């Protein structure tokens, strides 16, 4: 019970600090003032059906929020069943822009991969690159790694 009270007190202090700048002056935007707009890219990745643990798949390139041109080289390490995996680029609506199948060096250990994925866009487009396997049991996407990027023409 004591820890719950301490947690509640810590939350209240954090909320107070978030609304004040330390000298008691309210820094909440007033009427007609705009609050700062986040500069990061919106989350374009759809909910991940089966996130890949680090010992199954790691994508080194591209990195999150990179701006990429076609063809984009997707590389990293993967422990894919029978060394086969897929790379799909989805737009913000979840529609497929590009899809390729890849092969890693080996199938039972974390092995290097590098695949070029071509795409065609006419303007800067937020997108999400998925690196994943297809389940031998039901064909669903498993061990999914997601990387939000911007596709550039």
C-alpha atoms as a PDB file:
ATOM      1  CA  UNK A   1       0.000   0.000   0.000  1.00  0.00           C
ATOM      2  CA  UNK A   2       2.883   2.337   0.834  1.00  0.00           C
ATOM      3  CA  UNK A   3       4.349   1.819  -2.668  1.00  0.00           C
ATOM      4  CA  UNK A   4       1.027   2.636  -4.324  1.00  0.00           C
ATOM      5  CA  UNK A   5       0.861   5.935  -2.438  1.00  0.00           C
ATOM      6  CA  UNK A   6       4.460   6.762  -3.376  1.00  0.00           C
ATOM      7  CA  UNK A   7       3.720   5.968  -7.031  1.00  0.00           C
ATOM      8  CA  UNK A   8       0.606   8.178  -6.974  1.00  0.00           C
ATOM      9  CA  UNK A   9       2.611  11.024  -5.421  1.00  0.00           C
ATOM     10  CA  UNK A  10       5.374  10.643  -8.033  1.00  0.00           C
ATOM     11  CA  UNK A  11       2.785  10.768 -10.836  1.00  0.00           C
ATOM     12  CA  UNK A  12       1.221  13.918  -9.396  1.00  0.00           C
ATOM     13  CA  UNK A  13       4.620  15.634  -9.155  1.00  0.00           C
ATOM     14  CA  UNK A  14       5.479  14.624 -12.732  1.00  0.00           C
ATOM     15  CA  UNK A  15       2.180  16.044 -13.961  1.00  0.00           C
ATOM     16  CA  UNK A  16       2.771  19.298 -12.101  1.00  0.00           C
ATOM     17  CA  UNK A  17       6.296  19.618 -13.518  1.00  0.00           C
ATOM     18  CA  UNK A  18       4.986  18.911 -17.028  1.00  0.00           C
ATOM     19  CA  UNK A  19       2.563  21.849 -16.774  1.00  0.00           C
ATOM     20  CA  UNK A  20       4.957  24.326 -15.115  1.00  0.00           C
ATOM     21  CA  UNK A  21       8.425  25.378 -16.182  1.00  0.00           C
ATOM     22  CA  UNK A  22       9.876  25.305 -12.678  1.00  0.00           C
ATOM     23  CA  UNK A  23       9.190  28.935 -11.663  1.00  0.00           C
ATOM     24  CA  UNK A  24       5.426  28.579 -11.280  1.00  0.00           C
ATOM     25  CA  UNK A  25       4.631  30.053 -14.680  1.00  0.00           C
ATOM     26  CA  UNK A  26       2.077  28.089 -16.670  1.00  0.00           C
ATOM     27  CA  UNK A  27       3.558  27.149 -20.072  1.00  0.00           C
ATOM     28  CA  UNK A  28       0.393  25.543 -21.440  1.00  0.00           C
ATOM     29  CA  UNK A  29      -0.530  27.192 -24.787  1.00  0.00           C
ATOM     30  CA  UNK A  30      -3.211  29.836 -24.403  1.00  0.00           C
ATOM     31  CA  UNK A  31      -6.016  30.705 -26.839  1.00  0.00           C
ATOM     32  CA  UNK A  32      -4.633  31.342 -30.321  1.00  0.00           C
ATOM     33  CA  UNK A  33      -1.235  29.845 -29.459  1.00  0.00           C
ATOM     34  CA  UNK A  34      -0.069  26.640 -31.068  1.00  0.00           C
ATOM     35  CA  UNK A  35       1.602  23.831 -29.220  1.00  0.00           C
ATOM     36  CA  UNK A  36       4.795  22.459 -30.765  1.00  0.00           C
ATOM     37  CA  UNK A  37       4.190  19.939 -33.535  1.00  0.00           C
ATOM     38  CA  UNK A  38       6.179  16.711 -33.323  1.00  0.00           C
ATOM     39  CA  UNK A  39       8.703  16.526 -36.148  1.00  0.00           C
ATOM     40  CA  UNK A  40       8.894  12.714 -36.258  1.00  0.00           C
ATOM     41  CA  UNK A  41       7.281  10.648 -38.941  1.00  0.00           C
ATOM     42  CA  UNK A  42       3.790   9.315 -38.168  1.00  0.00           C
ATOM     43  CA  UNK A  43       3.597   5.623 -37.311  1.00  0.00           C
ATOM     44  CA  UNK A  44       2.928   4.039 -40.702  1.00  0.00           C
ATOM     45  CA  UNK A  45       3.498   0.462 -39.620  1.00  0.00           C
ATOM     46  CA  UNK A  46       0.384  -1.658 -39.178  1.00  0.00           C
ATOM     47  CA  UNK A  47       0.066  -3.664 -35.947  1.00  0.00           C
ATOM     48  CA  UNK A  48       2.778  -6.322 -35.888  1.00  0.00           C
ATOM     49  CA  UNK A  49       1.175  -9.790 -35.970  1.00  0.00           C
ATOM     50  CA  UNK A  50       4.272 -11.572 -34.584  1.00  0.00           C
ATOM     51  CA  UNK A  51       7.270  -9.387 -33.640  1.00  0.00           C
ATOM     52  CA  UNK A  52      10.640 -10.992 -34.383  1.00  0.00           C
ATOM     53  CA  UNK A  53      12.881 -11.539 -31.361  1.00  0.00           C
ATOM     54  CA  UNK A  54      16.465 -10.250 -31.765  1.00  0.00           C
ATOM     55  CA  UNK A  55      17.811 -13.809 -31.951  1.00  0.00           C
ATOM     56  CA  UNK A  56      15.604 -14.529 -35.004  1.00  0.00           C
ATOM     57  CA  UNK A  57      15.819 -11.357 -37.118  1.00  0.00           C
ATOM     58  CA  UNK A  58      17.725  -8.075 -37.032  1.00  0.00           C
ATOM     59  CA  UNK A  59      17.487  -5.438 -39.762  1.00  0.00           C
ATOM     60  CA  UNK A  60      20.566  -3.210 -39.955  1.00  0.00           C
ATOM     61  CA  UNK A  61      19.640  -1.181 -43.021  1.00  0.00           C
ATOM     62  CA  UNK A  62      17.652   0.890 -43.638  1.00  0.00           C
ATOM     63  CA  UNK A  63      17.233   2.374 -40.187  1.00  0.00           C
ATOM     64  CA  UNK A  64      13.926   3.661 -38.802  1.00  0.00           C
ATOM     65  CA  UNK A  65      12.880   7.007 -40.300  1.00  0.00           C
ATOM     66  CA  UNK A  66      15.456   6.849 -43.134  1.00  0.00           C
ATOM     67  CA  UNK A  67      14.558   8.356 -46.493  1.00  0.00           C
ATOM     68  CA  UNK A  68      15.304   5.772 -49.208  1.00  0.00           C
ATOM     69  CA  UNK A  69      15.315   5.621 -53.001  1.00  0.00           C
ATOM     70  CA  UNK A  70      14.692   2.685 -55.319  1.00  0.00           C
ATOM     71  CA  UNK A  71      16.065   0.113 -55.120  1.00  0.00           C
ATOM     72  CA  UNK A  72      16.448   0.090 -51.359  1.00  0.00           C
ATOM     73  CA  UNK A  73      18.946  -2.410 -49.987  1.00  0.00           C
ATOM     74  CA  UNK A  74      17.478  -4.207 -46.985  1.00  0.00           C
ATOM     75  CA  UNK A  75      20.143  -6.019 -44.999  1.00  0.00           C
ATOM     76  CA  UNK A  76      20.673  -7.619 -41.639  1.00  0.00           C
ATOM     77  CA  UNK A  77      20.664 -11.081 -40.116  1.00  0.00           C
ATOM     78  CA  UNK A  78      17.908 -13.669 -39.948  1.00  0.00           C
ATOM     79  CA  UNK A  79      17.426 -17.266 -38.798  1.00  0.00           C
ATOM     80  CA  UNK A  80      14.736 -18.193 -41.318  1.00  0.00           C
ATOM     81  CA  UNK A  81      13.324 -21.696 -41.677  1.00  0.00           C
ATOM     82  CA  UNK A  82      15.013 -23.260 -44.723  1.00  0.00           C
ATOM     83  CA  UNK A  83      16.740 -19.857 -45.175  1.00  0.00           C
ATOM     84  CA  UNK A  84      13.676 -18.361 -46.910  1.00  0.00           C
ATOM     85  CA  UNK A  85      12.059 -15.053 -45.938  1.00  0.00           C
ATOM     86  CA  UNK A  86      10.093 -12.181 -47.473  1.00  0.00           C
ATOM     87  CA  UNK A  87      10.433  -8.406 -47.619  1.00  0.00           C
ATOM     88  CA  UNK A  88       7.317  -6.332 -48.278  1.00  0.00           C
ATOM     89  CA  UNK A  89       6.969  -2.555 -48.383  1.00  0.00           C
ATOM     90  CA  UNK A  90       3.552  -1.294 -47.262  1.00  0.00           C
ATOM     91  CA  UNK A  91       2.167   2.221 -47.649  1.00  0.00           C
ATOM     92  CA  UNK A  92       0.375   4.038 -44.810  1.00  0.00           C
ATOM     93  CA  UNK A  93      -2.940   2.400 -45.810  1.00  0.00           C
ATOM     94  CA  UNK A  94      -1.429  -1.087 -45.518  1.00  0.00           C
ATOM     95  CA  UNK A  95      -1.326  -1.670 -49.293  1.00  0.00           C
ATOM     96  CA  UNK A  96       1.686  -3.508 -50.707  1.00  0.00           C
ATOM     97  CA  UNK A  97       4.054  -1.333 -52.768  1.00  0.00           C
ATOM     98  CA  UNK A  98       6.740  -3.998 -53.337  1.00  0.00           C
ATOM     99  CA  UNK A  99       7.294  -7.625 -52.378  1.00  0.00           C
ATOM    100  CA  UNK A 100      10.350  -9.881 -52.791  1.00  0.00           C
ATOM    101  CA  UNK A 101      11.420 -13.286 -51.516  1.00  0.00           C
ATOM    102  CA  UNK A 102      14.915 -13.654 -50.124  1.00  0.00           C
ATOM    103  CA  UNK A 103      17.368 -16.318 -49.065  1.00  0.00           C
ATOM    104  CA  UNK A 104      19.803 -16.038 -46.180  1.00  0.00           C
ATOM    105  CA  UNK A 105      23.167 -17.781 -46.022  1.00  0.00           C
ATOM    106  CA  UNK A 106      21.879 -20.577 -43.764  1.00  0.00           C
ATOM    107  CA  UNK A 107      18.547 -21.456 -42.231  1.00  0.00           C
ATOM    108  CA  UNK A 108      19.108 -22.573 -38.647  1.00  0.00           C
ATOM    109  CA  UNK A 109      21.402 -19.827 -37.333  1.00  0.00           C
ATOM    110  CA  UNK A 110      21.371 -16.033 -37.466  1.00  0.00           C
ATOM    111  CA  UNK A 111      22.817 -15.467 -40.959  1.00  0.00           C
ATOM    112  CA  UNK A 112      23.501 -12.394 -43.066  1.00  0.00           C
ATOM    113  CA  UNK A 113      21.121 -11.284 -45.803  1.00  0.00           C
ATOM    114  CA  UNK A 114      21.014  -8.406 -48.260  1.00  0.00           C
ATOM    115  CA  UNK A 115      18.238  -7.874 -50.796  1.00  0.00           C
ATOM    116  CA  UNK A 116      17.522  -5.001 -53.181  1.00  0.00           C
ATOM    117  CA  UNK A 117      13.839  -4.080 -53.278  1.00  0.00           C
ATOM    118  CA  UNK A 118      12.630  -1.891 -56.139  1.00  0.00           C
ATOM    119  CA  UNK A 119       9.633   0.378 -55.806  1.00  0.00           C
ATOM    120  CA  UNK A 120       8.030   3.185 -57.805  1.00  0.00           C
ATOM    121  CA  UNK A 121       6.634   6.335 -56.174  1.00  0.00           C
ATOM    122  CA  UNK A 122       6.015   9.797 -57.648  1.00  0.00           C
ATOM    123  CA  UNK A 123       6.324  11.731 -54.373  1.00  0.00           C
ATOM    124  CA  UNK A 124       7.756  11.245 -50.890  1.00  0.00           C
ATOM    125  CA  UNK A 125       5.694   8.465 -49.365  1.00  0.00           C
ATOM    126  CA  UNK A 126       5.648   7.230 -45.745  1.00  0.00           C
ATOM    127  CA  UNK A 127       6.005   3.448 -45.765  1.00  0.00           C
ATOM    128  CA  UNK A 128       6.828   0.446 -43.607  1.00  0.00           C
ATOM    129  CA  UNK A 129       9.270  -2.290 -44.603  1.00  0.00           C
ATOM    130  CA  UNK A 130       8.447  -5.740 -43.234  1.00  0.00           C
ATOM    131  CA  UNK A 131      11.052  -8.527 -43.066  1.00  0.00           C
ATOM    132  CA  UNK A 132       9.345 -11.800 -42.149  1.00  0.00           C
ATOM    133  CA  UNK A 133       8.847 -15.512 -42.661  1.00  0.00           C
ATOM    134  CA  UNK A 134       5.732 -17.309 -43.819  1.00  0.00           C
ATOM    135  CA  UNK A 135       4.444 -19.974 -41.444  1.00  0.00           C
ATOM    136  CA  UNK A 136       4.754 -23.502 -42.850  1.00  0.00           C
ATOM    137  CA  UNK A 137       1.615 -24.351 -40.894  1.00  0.00           C
ATOM    138  CA  UNK A 138      -0.838 -21.744 -42.188  1.00  0.00           C
ATOM    139  CA  UNK A 139       1.040 -19.261 -44.407  1.00  0.00           C
ATOM    140  CA  UNK A 140       0.684 -16.395 -41.915  1.00  0.00           C
ATOM    141  CA  UNK A 141       3.430 -13.813 -41.429  1.00  0.00           C
ATOM    142  CA  UNK A 142       5.747 -14.754 -38.557  1.00  0.00           C
ATOM    143  CA  UNK A 143       8.857 -13.246 -36.971  1.00  0.00           C
ATOM    144  CA  UNK A 144       8.053  -9.820 -38.406  1.00  0.00           C
ATOM    145  CA  UNK A 145      10.562  -6.977 -38.247  1.00  0.00           C
ATOM    146  CA  UNK A 146       9.153  -3.541 -39.135  1.00  0.00           C
ATOM    147  CA  UNK A 147      11.074  -0.445 -40.242  1.00  0.00           C
ATOM    148  CA  UNK A 148       9.224   2.852 -40.875  1.00  0.00           C
ATOM    149  CA  UNK A 149      10.825   4.801 -43.759  1.00  0.00           C
ATOM    150  CA  UNK A 150      10.053   7.473 -46.324  1.00  0.00           C
ATOM    151  CA  UNK A 151      10.198   6.367 -49.947  1.00  0.00           C
ATOM    152  CA  UNK A 152      11.608   9.059 -52.226  1.00  0.00           C
ATOM    153  CA  UNK A 153      11.169   9.198 -56.021  1.00  0.00           C
END
